[in-house]
Protein backbone atom coordinates (compact mmCIF):
# COMPACT_ATOMS: atom_id res chain seq x y z
CA MET A 1 121.70 89.39 96.29
CA ASN A 2 120.84 86.06 98.08
CA ILE A 3 117.38 85.62 99.59
CA PHE A 4 116.07 83.02 102.07
CA MET A 5 112.31 82.54 101.90
CA ILE A 6 110.50 80.91 104.89
CA GLY A 7 107.36 78.78 103.97
CA GLY A 8 106.51 76.02 101.61
CA GLY A 9 103.14 76.53 100.14
CA GLY A 10 101.73 77.95 96.75
CA ARG A 11 101.94 81.66 98.16
CA GLU A 12 105.90 80.96 98.61
CA HIS A 13 106.06 79.24 95.15
CA ALA A 14 104.50 82.39 93.66
CA LEU A 15 106.67 84.92 95.61
CA ILE A 16 109.84 82.80 94.41
CA TRP A 17 108.69 82.63 90.89
CA LYS A 18 108.42 86.37 90.79
CA LEU A 19 111.64 86.74 92.83
CA SER A 20 113.63 84.51 90.44
CA GLN A 21 112.72 86.95 87.51
CA SER A 22 114.73 89.78 89.29
CA ARG A 23 118.27 90.64 87.94
CA LYS A 24 119.27 91.58 91.47
CA VAL A 25 118.54 87.99 92.74
CA ASP A 26 121.41 85.47 92.38
CA LYS A 27 120.37 82.59 94.78
CA ILE A 28 117.15 81.82 96.88
CA TRP A 29 116.82 79.44 99.92
CA CYS A 30 113.47 78.28 101.05
CA ALA A 31 112.54 76.45 104.25
CA PRO A 32 111.17 74.00 103.88
CA GLY A 33 109.75 74.35 100.36
CA ASN A 34 108.12 71.92 98.27
CA GLY A 35 108.59 69.61 95.22
CA GLY A 36 107.84 72.63 92.88
CA ILE A 37 109.77 75.22 94.61
CA ALA A 38 112.87 72.99 94.22
CA ALA A 39 113.13 74.02 90.68
CA LEU A 40 113.79 77.51 91.57
CA ALA A 41 115.48 77.36 95.01
CA GLU A 42 117.50 75.23 97.47
CA CYS A 43 115.10 73.74 99.74
CA VAL A 44 116.22 73.64 103.27
CA PRO A 45 114.72 70.82 105.69
CA LEU A 46 113.61 73.22 108.43
CA LYS A 47 109.90 73.88 109.33
CA ALA A 48 108.79 77.37 109.18
CA THR A 49 108.22 77.45 113.04
CA ASP A 50 111.65 76.09 113.79
CA ILE A 51 112.82 79.69 114.87
CA PRO A 52 116.25 78.84 116.21
CA GLY A 53 117.10 76.64 113.18
CA LEU A 54 116.09 79.14 110.98
CA VAL A 55 117.99 82.03 113.03
CA GLU A 56 121.11 79.40 112.97
CA PHE A 57 120.83 78.82 109.17
CA ALA A 58 120.78 82.66 108.67
CA ARG A 59 123.57 83.29 110.92
CA LYS A 60 125.74 80.58 108.94
CA ASN A 61 124.81 81.55 105.41
CA ARG A 62 124.23 85.15 105.89
CA PRO A 63 121.56 85.99 103.20
CA ASP A 64 121.12 89.44 102.10
CA LEU A 65 117.39 89.46 102.92
CA VAL A 66 114.89 86.93 104.82
CA PHE A 67 111.58 86.86 103.47
CA VAL A 68 109.15 85.61 106.22
CA ALA A 69 105.87 84.57 104.60
CA PRO A 70 103.80 82.64 106.70
CA ASP A 71 101.89 83.77 109.92
CA ASP A 72 103.17 81.48 112.55
CA PRO A 73 106.65 82.47 112.32
CA LEU A 74 105.80 86.14 112.15
CA ALA A 75 103.64 85.79 115.17
CA LEU A 76 106.63 83.81 117.15
CA GLY A 77 108.84 86.99 116.39
CA LEU A 78 111.19 85.54 113.80
CA VAL A 79 111.69 89.07 112.18
CA ASP A 80 112.85 90.42 115.64
CA GLU A 81 115.33 87.37 116.26
CA LEU A 82 117.04 87.93 112.49
CA GLU A 83 117.44 91.57 112.97
CA ALA A 84 119.05 91.02 116.52
CA ILE A 85 121.70 88.95 114.60
CA GLY A 86 121.96 91.74 111.72
CA ILE A 87 120.07 90.05 109.04
CA ARG A 88 117.49 92.01 107.15
CA ALA A 89 114.05 90.77 107.06
CA PHE A 90 110.80 91.31 105.20
CA GLY A 91 107.74 91.24 107.17
CA PRO A 92 106.29 92.42 110.56
CA HIS A 93 107.81 92.43 114.25
CA LYS A 94 106.15 90.08 116.57
CA ASN A 95 104.29 93.12 118.29
CA ALA A 96 102.88 94.31 114.90
CA ALA A 97 102.08 90.58 113.72
CA VAL A 98 99.69 90.61 116.60
CA ILE A 99 97.34 92.39 114.25
CA GLU A 100 96.58 88.61 112.83
CA ALA A 101 97.71 86.48 115.55
CA SER A 102 95.02 87.91 117.79
CA LYS A 103 91.59 88.54 116.64
CA SER A 104 90.60 90.30 119.87
CA PHE A 105 93.36 92.64 119.57
CA ALA A 106 92.63 93.58 115.93
CA LYS A 107 88.78 94.18 116.85
CA ASP A 108 89.89 96.28 120.12
CA LEU A 109 92.07 98.24 117.61
CA MET A 110 89.24 98.88 115.32
CA ARG A 111 86.86 99.93 117.93
CA LYS A 112 89.46 102.43 119.51
CA TYR A 113 90.27 103.91 116.10
CA HIS A 114 86.67 103.85 114.61
CA ILE A 115 87.62 101.58 111.72
CA PRO A 116 84.41 100.10 110.19
CA THR A 117 84.05 96.34 111.24
CA ALA A 118 81.26 94.11 112.56
CA ALA A 119 79.96 94.34 115.90
CA TYR A 120 81.67 91.85 118.19
CA ALA A 121 82.21 90.49 121.79
CA VAL A 122 85.28 88.30 123.24
CA PHE A 123 84.70 85.63 125.60
CA ASP A 124 87.10 83.19 127.67
CA ASP A 125 84.71 80.73 128.77
CA PRO A 126 82.06 78.47 126.98
CA ALA A 127 79.15 79.54 129.25
CA SER A 128 79.53 83.20 128.59
CA ALA A 129 79.78 82.77 125.05
CA ARG A 130 76.71 80.35 124.78
CA ALA A 131 74.56 82.77 126.58
CA TYR A 132 75.60 85.79 124.22
CA ILE A 133 74.98 83.45 121.32
CA GLU A 134 71.49 82.59 122.47
CA GLN A 135 70.83 86.37 123.25
CA GLN A 136 72.10 87.50 119.72
CA GLY A 137 70.46 84.72 117.50
CA ALA A 138 71.55 83.59 114.17
CA PRO A 139 73.34 83.95 111.73
CA ILE A 140 76.42 84.79 113.54
CA VAL A 141 80.15 84.33 113.20
CA VAL A 142 82.49 82.48 115.64
CA LYS A 143 86.08 82.72 115.45
CA ALA A 144 88.94 81.31 117.34
CA ASP A 145 91.13 84.25 118.72
CA GLY A 146 94.38 82.86 117.58
CA LEU A 147 95.95 81.56 114.39
CA ALA A 148 94.00 78.49 113.24
CA LEU A 149 95.49 77.78 109.63
CA GLY A 150 92.67 79.52 108.14
CA LYS A 151 90.07 76.96 109.76
CA GLY A 152 89.01 78.72 112.98
CA VAL A 153 85.91 80.76 111.62
CA THR A 154 82.60 79.49 111.70
CA VAL A 155 79.68 81.36 109.75
CA ALA A 156 76.70 79.82 111.67
CA MET A 157 73.32 79.76 110.31
CA THR A 158 71.64 78.61 113.48
CA VAL A 159 72.25 79.10 117.11
CA GLU A 160 73.08 75.40 117.66
CA GLU A 161 75.70 75.57 114.98
CA ALA A 162 77.15 78.61 116.74
CA VAL A 163 77.17 76.93 120.18
CA ALA A 164 78.97 73.92 118.62
CA ALA A 165 81.56 76.05 116.93
CA SER A 166 82.17 77.82 120.35
CA ASP A 167 82.21 74.68 122.35
CA ALA A 168 84.74 73.07 119.95
CA ALA A 169 86.97 76.14 120.03
CA PHE A 170 87.00 76.12 123.84
CA GLY A 171 87.29 72.19 123.80
CA GLY A 172 90.47 72.26 122.02
CA ALA A 173 89.80 71.74 118.28
CA PHE A 174 92.31 74.93 117.53
CA GLY A 175 94.71 74.22 120.39
CA LYS A 176 95.65 77.21 122.07
CA ALA A 177 94.21 79.41 119.24
CA GLY A 178 90.81 78.54 120.66
CA ALA A 179 91.41 79.57 124.28
CA ARG A 180 89.63 82.71 123.55
CA VAL A 181 86.81 83.23 121.37
CA VAL A 182 85.53 86.18 119.41
CA ILE A 183 81.71 86.12 118.34
CA GLU A 184 80.78 88.91 115.51
CA GLU A 185 77.75 90.25 113.76
CA TYR A 186 76.96 88.55 110.38
CA MET A 187 77.68 90.82 107.68
CA THR A 188 76.24 90.33 104.04
CA GLY A 189 77.99 91.40 100.80
CA VAL A 190 80.68 90.72 98.66
CA GLU A 191 84.03 89.83 100.16
CA ALA A 192 87.38 91.24 98.70
CA SER A 193 90.84 91.14 99.80
CA VAL A 194 93.16 94.36 99.45
CA LEU A 195 96.81 93.73 100.22
CA CYS A 196 99.02 96.60 100.88
CA PHE A 197 102.70 97.05 100.99
CA VAL A 198 103.47 98.98 103.97
CA ASP A 199 106.80 100.51 105.58
CA GLY A 200 105.49 101.60 109.05
CA GLU A 201 104.18 104.84 107.71
CA HIS A 202 103.44 104.75 103.97
CA TRP A 203 101.56 102.26 101.94
CA ILE A 204 100.88 101.03 98.51
CA ALA A 205 97.84 99.00 97.70
CA MET A 206 97.88 95.99 95.17
CA PRO A 207 94.80 95.14 92.89
CA ALA A 208 91.85 93.93 95.22
CA ALA A 209 91.70 90.32 94.74
CA GLN A 210 88.89 87.82 95.65
CA ASP A 211 89.15 84.14 96.96
CA HIS A 212 86.64 81.24 97.26
CA LYS A 213 86.90 79.48 100.64
CA PRO A 214 84.07 77.09 100.60
CA VAL A 215 85.28 73.68 99.32
CA PHE A 216 82.39 73.22 96.81
CA ASP A 217 80.74 75.12 93.85
CA GLY A 218 78.11 77.71 94.80
CA ASN A 219 80.27 78.66 97.90
CA ARG A 220 79.01 75.26 99.72
CA GLY A 221 80.44 73.11 102.18
CA PRO A 222 83.23 73.60 105.05
CA ASN A 223 85.62 76.65 104.60
CA THR A 224 89.16 75.81 103.27
CA GLY A 225 92.47 77.79 103.23
CA GLY A 226 91.21 78.82 99.68
CA MET A 227 90.03 77.07 96.53
CA GLY A 228 91.01 79.65 94.09
CA SER A 229 91.19 83.13 93.58
CA PHE A 230 91.12 86.10 91.02
CA ALA A 231 92.21 89.75 90.47
CA PRO A 232 91.20 92.50 90.20
CA SER A 233 87.87 92.38 91.91
CA ARG A 234 84.95 93.35 89.78
CA ALA A 235 83.13 94.57 92.98
CA TYR A 236 86.04 96.69 94.05
CA THR A 237 85.26 99.98 92.26
CA LYS A 238 87.13 103.11 92.13
CA GLU A 239 84.55 104.65 94.45
CA ILE A 240 84.88 101.73 97.03
CA ALA A 241 88.71 101.92 96.89
CA GLU A 242 88.70 105.65 97.71
CA ILE A 243 86.29 104.94 100.78
CA THR A 244 88.27 102.00 101.88
CA GLU A 245 91.59 104.06 101.85
CA ARG A 246 90.31 106.84 103.62
CA THR A 247 88.32 104.84 106.35
CA ILE A 248 90.21 101.60 106.66
CA ILE A 249 93.65 101.41 105.16
CA GLU A 250 95.34 104.76 106.03
CA PRO A 251 93.57 104.83 109.56
CA THR A 252 95.00 101.04 110.51
CA VAL A 253 98.62 102.05 109.30
CA ARG A 254 98.36 105.10 111.64
CA ALA A 255 96.86 103.11 114.37
CA MET A 256 99.60 100.76 114.46
CA ALA A 257 102.27 103.13 114.48
CA ALA A 258 100.32 105.20 117.39
CA GLU A 259 100.33 102.01 119.34
CA GLY A 260 103.82 101.68 118.98
CA ARG A 261 103.57 98.70 116.59
CA PRO A 262 104.57 100.11 113.35
CA PHE A 263 103.65 97.81 110.89
CA LYS A 264 106.23 96.74 107.95
CA GLY A 265 105.59 94.13 105.44
CA VAL A 266 102.35 93.42 103.62
CA LEU A 267 99.09 94.06 105.62
CA TYR A 268 95.99 92.27 104.09
CA PHE A 269 92.57 93.73 104.65
CA GLY A 270 89.77 91.26 104.30
CA LEU A 271 86.87 93.20 103.46
CA MET A 272 83.15 92.97 103.22
CA LEU A 273 81.60 95.35 100.65
CA THR A 274 78.25 95.85 102.52
CA ALA A 275 75.44 98.02 101.36
CA ALA A 276 76.56 100.71 104.29
CA GLY A 277 80.30 100.55 102.76
CA PRO A 278 83.34 98.53 103.09
CA ARG A 279 83.82 96.90 106.67
CA VAL A 280 87.04 94.99 107.79
CA VAL A 281 86.45 91.25 108.21
CA GLU A 282 89.91 90.27 109.34
CA TYR A 283 93.35 91.61 108.98
CA ASN A 284 96.63 89.46 107.91
CA ALA A 285 100.14 90.32 108.64
CA ARG A 286 101.12 88.84 105.33
CA PHE A 287 100.67 87.94 101.72
CA GLY A 288 97.29 85.95 101.46
CA ASP A 289 97.08 82.47 99.92
CA PRO A 290 95.88 81.90 97.21
CA GLU A 291 95.51 85.86 96.54
CA THR A 292 99.29 85.79 95.99
CA GLN A 293 98.98 83.41 93.13
CA SER A 294 96.83 85.82 91.29
CA LEU A 295 98.63 88.93 92.13
CA MET A 296 102.23 88.10 91.40
CA PRO A 297 101.64 87.52 87.64
CA LEU A 298 100.13 91.10 87.65
CA LEU A 299 103.15 92.78 89.26
CA LYS A 300 105.13 94.49 86.34
CA SER A 301 107.81 95.94 88.71
CA ASP A 302 110.68 94.05 90.24
CA LEU A 303 109.47 92.83 93.92
CA VAL A 304 112.99 93.03 95.38
CA PRO A 305 113.09 97.11 95.68
CA ILE A 306 109.64 96.93 97.03
CA LEU A 307 110.53 94.62 99.70
CA GLU A 308 113.56 96.91 100.34
CA ALA A 309 111.52 99.92 100.48
CA CYS A 310 109.16 98.29 102.97
CA ILE A 311 112.29 97.51 105.22
CA ASP A 312 113.90 100.79 104.93
CA GLY A 313 110.77 102.93 105.25
CA THR A 314 111.07 104.36 101.77
CA LEU A 315 107.93 103.45 99.95
CA ASP A 316 107.00 106.92 99.11
CA ARG A 317 110.11 107.01 96.85
CA ILE A 318 109.22 104.25 94.55
CA SER A 319 106.40 103.38 92.15
CA VAL A 320 104.69 100.03 91.71
CA GLU A 321 103.38 99.04 88.06
CA TRP A 322 100.81 96.20 87.43
CA TYR A 323 100.15 94.71 84.04
CA ASP A 324 96.55 95.44 82.55
CA GLY A 325 93.89 92.69 82.40
CA ALA A 326 93.19 89.95 85.04
CA CYS A 327 94.68 86.75 86.52
CA ALA A 328 92.81 83.67 88.03
CA CYS A 329 93.92 80.79 90.13
CA VAL A 330 92.31 77.36 90.55
CA VAL A 331 93.23 75.14 93.45
CA LEU A 332 93.53 71.48 92.86
CA ALA A 333 92.77 69.82 96.25
CA SER A 334 93.29 66.35 97.58
CA GLY A 335 89.94 64.35 97.82
CA GLY A 336 88.51 64.81 101.35
CA TYR A 337 90.19 68.21 101.96
CA PRO A 338 89.68 69.99 104.33
CA GLY A 339 88.95 66.78 106.24
CA SER A 340 91.46 63.85 105.84
CA TYR A 341 93.03 63.12 102.47
CA GLN A 342 95.50 60.67 101.26
CA LYS A 343 99.19 61.73 100.48
CA GLY A 344 101.81 60.28 98.10
CA LEU A 345 99.66 60.18 94.98
CA PRO A 346 101.50 60.53 91.64
CA ILE A 347 100.54 63.75 89.85
CA HIS A 348 100.36 63.79 86.08
CA GLY A 349 100.24 66.20 83.24
CA LEU A 350 102.30 68.78 84.75
CA GLY A 351 104.56 68.85 81.43
CA LYS A 352 101.57 69.33 79.38
CA LEU A 353 100.56 72.54 80.75
CA PRO A 354 100.28 75.62 77.96
CA ARG A 355 103.13 77.98 78.16
CA ASP A 356 101.15 80.60 79.67
CA VAL A 357 99.68 78.70 82.41
CA ALA A 358 101.67 78.32 85.73
CA ALA A 359 101.44 75.54 88.23
CA PHE A 360 102.12 76.87 91.73
CA HIS A 361 102.73 74.08 94.09
CA ALA A 362 101.36 74.15 97.44
CA GLY A 363 101.29 70.47 98.60
CA THR A 364 103.64 68.45 96.62
CA ALA A 365 106.84 66.42 97.13
CA ARG A 366 109.25 64.37 95.04
CA ALA A 367 109.29 60.93 95.51
CA ASP A 368 111.43 58.29 93.21
CA GLY A 369 111.90 60.91 90.84
CA ALA A 370 107.99 61.55 90.47
CA MET A 371 106.03 64.58 91.75
CA VAL A 372 103.36 63.35 94.21
CA THR A 373 100.82 64.84 96.51
CA ALA A 374 101.79 66.01 99.96
CA GLY A 375 98.89 68.22 101.26
CA GLY A 376 95.29 69.30 101.16
CA ARG A 377 95.96 72.07 98.68
CA VAL A 378 98.25 70.50 95.94
CA LEU A 379 98.44 72.99 93.03
CA GLY A 380 97.29 76.36 92.01
CA ILE A 381 96.86 76.40 88.42
CA THR A 382 97.26 80.04 87.27
CA ALA A 383 96.83 82.08 84.09
CA ARG A 384 96.77 85.72 83.11
CA GLY A 385 94.50 87.19 80.49
CA GLU A 386 93.30 90.30 78.83
CA THR A 387 89.94 89.82 80.73
CA LEU A 388 88.84 87.79 83.60
CA PRO A 389 86.92 85.26 81.37
CA ASP A 390 90.17 84.94 79.37
CA ALA A 391 92.29 84.28 82.48
CA LEU A 392 89.74 81.83 83.64
CA ALA A 393 89.54 80.04 80.29
CA HIS A 394 93.34 79.76 80.22
CA ALA A 395 93.60 78.39 83.88
CA TYR A 396 90.89 75.84 83.49
CA GLU A 397 92.61 74.68 80.16
CA GLY A 398 95.42 74.06 82.38
CA VAL A 399 93.33 72.13 84.95
CA ARG A 400 92.29 69.78 82.36
CA CYS A 401 95.99 68.93 81.79
CA VAL A 402 96.56 67.73 85.34
CA SER A 403 95.37 64.68 87.25
CA PHE A 404 95.75 62.74 90.26
CA ASP A 405 93.58 60.24 92.19
CA GLY A 406 90.80 62.09 94.13
CA MET A 407 91.69 65.41 92.72
CA HIS A 408 89.15 68.03 93.22
CA TYR A 409 88.57 71.54 92.24
CA ARG A 410 85.82 74.12 92.25
CA THR A 411 84.41 74.70 88.63
CA ASP A 412 83.23 78.26 89.52
CA ILE A 413 86.07 80.25 90.39
CA GLY A 414 85.57 83.77 89.28
CA LYS A 415 82.24 83.17 88.14
CA ILE A 416 80.43 84.21 91.44
CA GLY A 417 80.90 86.76 94.04
């Protein structure tokens, strides 16, 4: 079969890496792809948000399956548009992708169906938000309601910081995504990410993963899209998993169906494992990044039948197997990220990576035959091991092989949290 992947980051590279191992797959296209993806798929120069262009490409080339990986095209209804022309697509419909595209929708859903989460309030103007923050005090969490490339959340330790974050959102820092602001209770505990394959009614959970969003060691500095990840999570015990499945995962899948928004695809549960039990921090309507880089090497089963079962509503008829052990991913970022950074810098040492270490490309391109940087997060150096320390040792061995000017990475992935 022929597959058309939408997206061009480390998540998509990891997914294509896994799909390319399937005997069912003959050809993969990827729009827009990147320098690393080009080794496994034919890259198509279309942005992931170019819905008309992507639909027209699918109309002409008739892929057997389109995998819509990023949040924006899901929120824009790409799956709906593809199905309208008879193309099978993996991912939620627009009316279900809203669970990520609108934090206020997600919070209201959780309140209605008694799914544990932080207390919250929603605001459409800065004055009301400021008054609420001053009344509640700090620490407190300020979130842009819409999609903001993983950068619309501020964990404010002071009232002044929270007010500044709210004012920035209303002031256009995140475009339309910040026209509404959600302000939440600050929760403490260990964060974990549980991703589930969902077919509208049935679901299968993947191993819990943990990512590291702050840019510097010790969880310091501004939040990024993720500086690394590992799976399985040490904190997500069997007991916590049972509670999460009973009080969060199952009720969410049922709630979306009850609302006339049955969810098909991958539903991501961002959790805070508090002293009072697991609570939802956020939902994502797709595979997480960089969690996917830590999960795909652990997936023993062929990915293609799982995708088809999600589309067809037959997840209850298949089993999904995972390798024992652990997997770790260390992100190599451009100097200055998540702020401004330089692009086009030559990347050295990729050919020196050990055989058991993978480099998933996030922000790379080819220029004059050489691989160069083309984004904030450049590479995810990933390795599997019998234990998490083994996986981390292999991954950091790979990190030491690679270099580019200004390269930055955290040295404590998997060692805290």
